[in-house]
C-alpha atoms as a PDB file:
ATOM      1  CA  MET A   1      98.148 156.157  31.255  1.00  0.00           C
ATOM      2  CA  LYS A   2      95.352 158.188  29.715  1.00  0.00           C
ATOM      3  CA  ILE A   3      93.537 157.398  26.498  1.00  0.00           C
ATOM      4  CA  ARG A   4      91.741 159.859  24.217  1.00  0.00           C
ATOM      5  CA  PRO A   5      89.682 158.346  21.385  1.00  0.00           C
ATOM      6  CA  LEU A   6      89.468 160.173  18.072  1.00  0.00           C
ATOM      7  CA  TYR A   7      86.356 161.530  16.330  1.00  0.00           C
ATOM      8  CA  ASP A   8      83.175 159.533  17.091  1.00  0.00           C
ATOM      9  CA  ARG A   9      84.831 156.722  19.026  1.00  0.00           C
ATOM     10  CA  VAL A  10      84.101 155.812  22.643  1.00  0.00           C
ATOM     11  CA  VAL A  11      86.144 153.841  25.210  1.00  0.00           C
ATOM     12  CA  VAL A  12      84.026 151.539  27.391  1.00  0.00           C
ATOM     13  CA  ARG A  13      84.838 149.479  30.500  1.00  0.00           C
ATOM     14  CA  ARG A  14      82.811 146.271  30.215  1.00  0.00           C
ATOM     15  CA  GLN A  15      80.586 145.376  33.186  1.00  0.00           C
ATOM     16  CA  GLU A  16      81.760 142.439  35.340  1.00  0.00           C
ATOM     17  CA  GLU A  17      80.876 138.957  34.097  1.00  0.00           C
ATOM     18  CA  GLU A  18      78.212 137.003  35.974  1.00  0.00           C
ATOM     19  CA  GLU A  19      79.576 134.238  38.230  1.00  0.00           C
ATOM     20  CA  THR A  20      76.254 132.383  38.590  1.00  0.00           C
ATOM     21  CA  SER A  21      73.301 131.714  36.298  1.00  0.00           C
ATOM     22  CA  ALA A  22      69.761 132.925  36.984  1.00  0.00           C
ATOM     23  CA  GLY A  23      69.046 129.551  38.592  1.00  0.00           C
ATOM     24  CA  GLY A  24      72.016 129.850  40.964  1.00  0.00           C
ATOM     25  CA  ILE A  25      74.420 127.530  39.144  1.00  0.00           C
ATOM     26  CA  VAL A  26      78.074 128.594  39.346  1.00  0.00           C
ATOM     27  CA  LEU A  27      79.421 129.056  35.810  1.00  0.00           C
ATOM     28  CA  PRO A  28      82.949 128.082  34.775  1.00  0.00           C
ATOM     29  CA  GLY A  29      84.985 130.670  32.850  1.00  0.00           C
ATOM     30  CA  SER A  30      84.325 129.060  29.460  1.00  0.00           C
ATOM     31  CA  ALA A  31      80.521 129.108  29.888  1.00  0.00           C
ATOM     32  CA  LYS A  32      80.252 132.767  30.840  1.00  0.00           C
ATOM     33  CA  GLU A  33      78.860 135.198  28.287  1.00  0.00           C
ATOM     34  CA  LYS A  34      80.537 138.572  28.053  1.00  0.00           C
ATOM     35  CA  PRO A  35      78.131 141.242  29.273  1.00  0.00           C
ATOM     36  CA  ASN A  36      76.793 143.724  26.728  1.00  0.00           C
ATOM     37  CA  GLN A  37      76.789 146.670  29.145  1.00  0.00           C
ATOM     38  CA  GLY A  38      79.548 148.925  30.356  1.00  0.00           C
ATOM     39  CA  GLU A  39      80.626 152.347  31.570  1.00  0.00           C
ATOM     40  CA  VAL A  40      81.996 155.017  29.239  1.00  0.00           C
ATOM     41  CA  VAL A  41      85.480 156.102  30.363  1.00  0.00           C
ATOM     42  CA  ALA A  42      86.442 158.386  27.439  1.00  0.00           C
ATOM     43  CA  VAL A  43      84.792 159.971  24.382  1.00  0.00           C
ATOM     44  CA  GLY A  44      86.123 161.565  21.200  1.00  0.00           C
ATOM     45  CA  ASP A  45      85.489 165.123  20.030  1.00  0.00           C
ATOM     46  CA  GLY A  46      82.624 164.220  17.711  1.00  0.00           C
ATOM     47  CA  LYS A  47      81.693 163.135  14.211  1.00  0.00           C
ATOM     48  CA  VAL A  48      82.869 165.195  11.253  1.00  0.00           C
ATOM     49  CA  LEU A  49      79.899 165.790   8.943  1.00  0.00           C
ATOM     50  CA  ASP A  50      80.053 166.010   5.142  1.00  0.00           C
ATOM     51  CA  ASN A  51      80.007 169.826   5.265  1.00  0.00           C
ATOM     52  CA  GLY A  52      83.003 169.863   7.647  1.00  0.00           C
ATOM     53  CA  ASP A  53      81.072 170.695  10.826  1.00  0.00           C
ATOM     54  CA  LEU A  54      81.725 168.730  14.005  1.00  0.00           C
ATOM     55  CA  ARG A  55      78.689 167.108  15.676  1.00  0.00           C
ATOM     56  CA  ALA A  56      79.210 166.430  19.386  1.00  0.00           C
ATOM     57  CA  LEU A  57      78.554 162.908  20.672  1.00  0.00           C
ATOM     58  CA  ALA A  58      75.357 162.031  22.537  1.00  0.00           C
ATOM     59  CA  ILE A  59      77.391 159.920  24.986  1.00  0.00           C
ATOM     60  CA  ASN A  60      79.163 161.355  28.037  1.00  0.00           C
ATOM     61  CA  ILE A  61      81.872 160.012  30.327  1.00  0.00           C
ATOM     62  CA  GLY A  62      80.292 157.987  33.147  1.00  0.00           C
ATOM     63  CA  ASP A  63      77.216 156.891  31.152  1.00  0.00           C
ATOM     64  CA  ARG A  64      76.195 153.228  31.459  1.00  0.00           C
ATOM     65  CA  VAL A  65      75.579 151.972  27.935  1.00  0.00           C
ATOM     66  CA  VAL A  66      74.204 148.893  26.170  1.00  0.00           C
ATOM     67  CA  PHE A  67      76.004 147.641  23.065  1.00  0.00           C
ATOM     68  CA  GLY A  68      75.854 144.631  20.752  1.00  0.00           C
ATOM     69  CA  GLN A  69      77.372 141.237  21.554  1.00  0.00           C
ATOM     70  CA  TYR A  70      80.123 141.675  18.939  1.00  0.00           C
ATOM     71  CA  ALA A  71      80.516 145.459  19.155  1.00  0.00           C
ATOM     72  CA  GLY A  72      83.914 146.944  19.758  1.00  0.00           C
ATOM     73  CA  SER A  73      86.237 144.307  18.378  1.00  0.00           C
ATOM     74  CA  ASN A  74      89.173 146.552  19.380  1.00  0.00           C
ATOM     75  CA  THR A  75      90.173 145.791  22.956  1.00  0.00           C
ATOM     76  CA  ILE A  76      93.172 147.299  24.707  1.00  0.00           C
ATOM     77  CA  GLU A  77      94.693 147.013  28.146  1.00  0.00           C
ATOM     78  CA  VAL A  78      95.340 150.218  30.086  1.00  0.00           C
ATOM     79  CA  ASP A  79      96.785 150.045  33.610  1.00  0.00           C
ATOM     80  CA  GLY A  80      95.876 146.345  33.844  1.00  0.00           C
ATOM     81  CA  GLU A  81      92.252 146.947  32.851  1.00  0.00           C
ATOM     82  CA  GLU A  82      90.676 145.708  29.615  1.00  0.00           C
ATOM     83  CA  LEU A  83      88.857 148.462  27.698  1.00  0.00           C
ATOM     84  CA  ILE A  84      86.858 148.391  24.467  1.00  0.00           C
ATOM     85  CA  ILE A  85      87.093 151.017  21.730  1.00  0.00           C
ATOM     86  CA  MET A  86      83.939 151.295  19.618  1.00  0.00           C
ATOM     87  CA  GLY A  87      82.153 153.785  17.421  1.00  0.00           C
ATOM     88  CA  GLU A  88      79.216 155.765  18.777  1.00  0.00           C
ATOM     89  CA  SER A  89      76.968 153.991  16.243  1.00  0.00           C
ATOM     90  CA  GLU A  90      77.689 150.616  17.928  1.00  0.00           C
ATOM     91  CA  ILE A  91      75.995 151.782  21.152  1.00  0.00           C
ATOM     92  CA  PHE A  92      72.296 150.962  21.330  1.00  0.00           C
ATOM     93  CA  ALA A  93      71.177 152.820  24.460  1.00  0.00           C
ATOM     94  CA  VAL A  94      72.149 154.728  27.613  1.00  0.00           C
ATOM     95  CA  VAL A  95      70.906 153.178  30.879  1.00  0.00           C
ATOM     96  CA  GLU A  96      69.480 155.843  33.199  1.00  0.00           C
END
């Protein structure tokens, strides 16, 4: 299945959760924090401005991005993989 977000929305695959803490302690599933980084798998066409023009997104497919802890409250499952749909404004940075 393919997914194509609309307008200024982005589909992100969240980075894998950490299995151990910084000190080497193995974390159970309930103690793990969801990572705030991921890879962009699909982008929309762009944001429609007030004058009707379309501004392209600054994010590209394949970019590693950093987003907020509670960003992208819309999660979906595509081909057995959990993906997050969020607006471009919810992304803080691109990791290069």
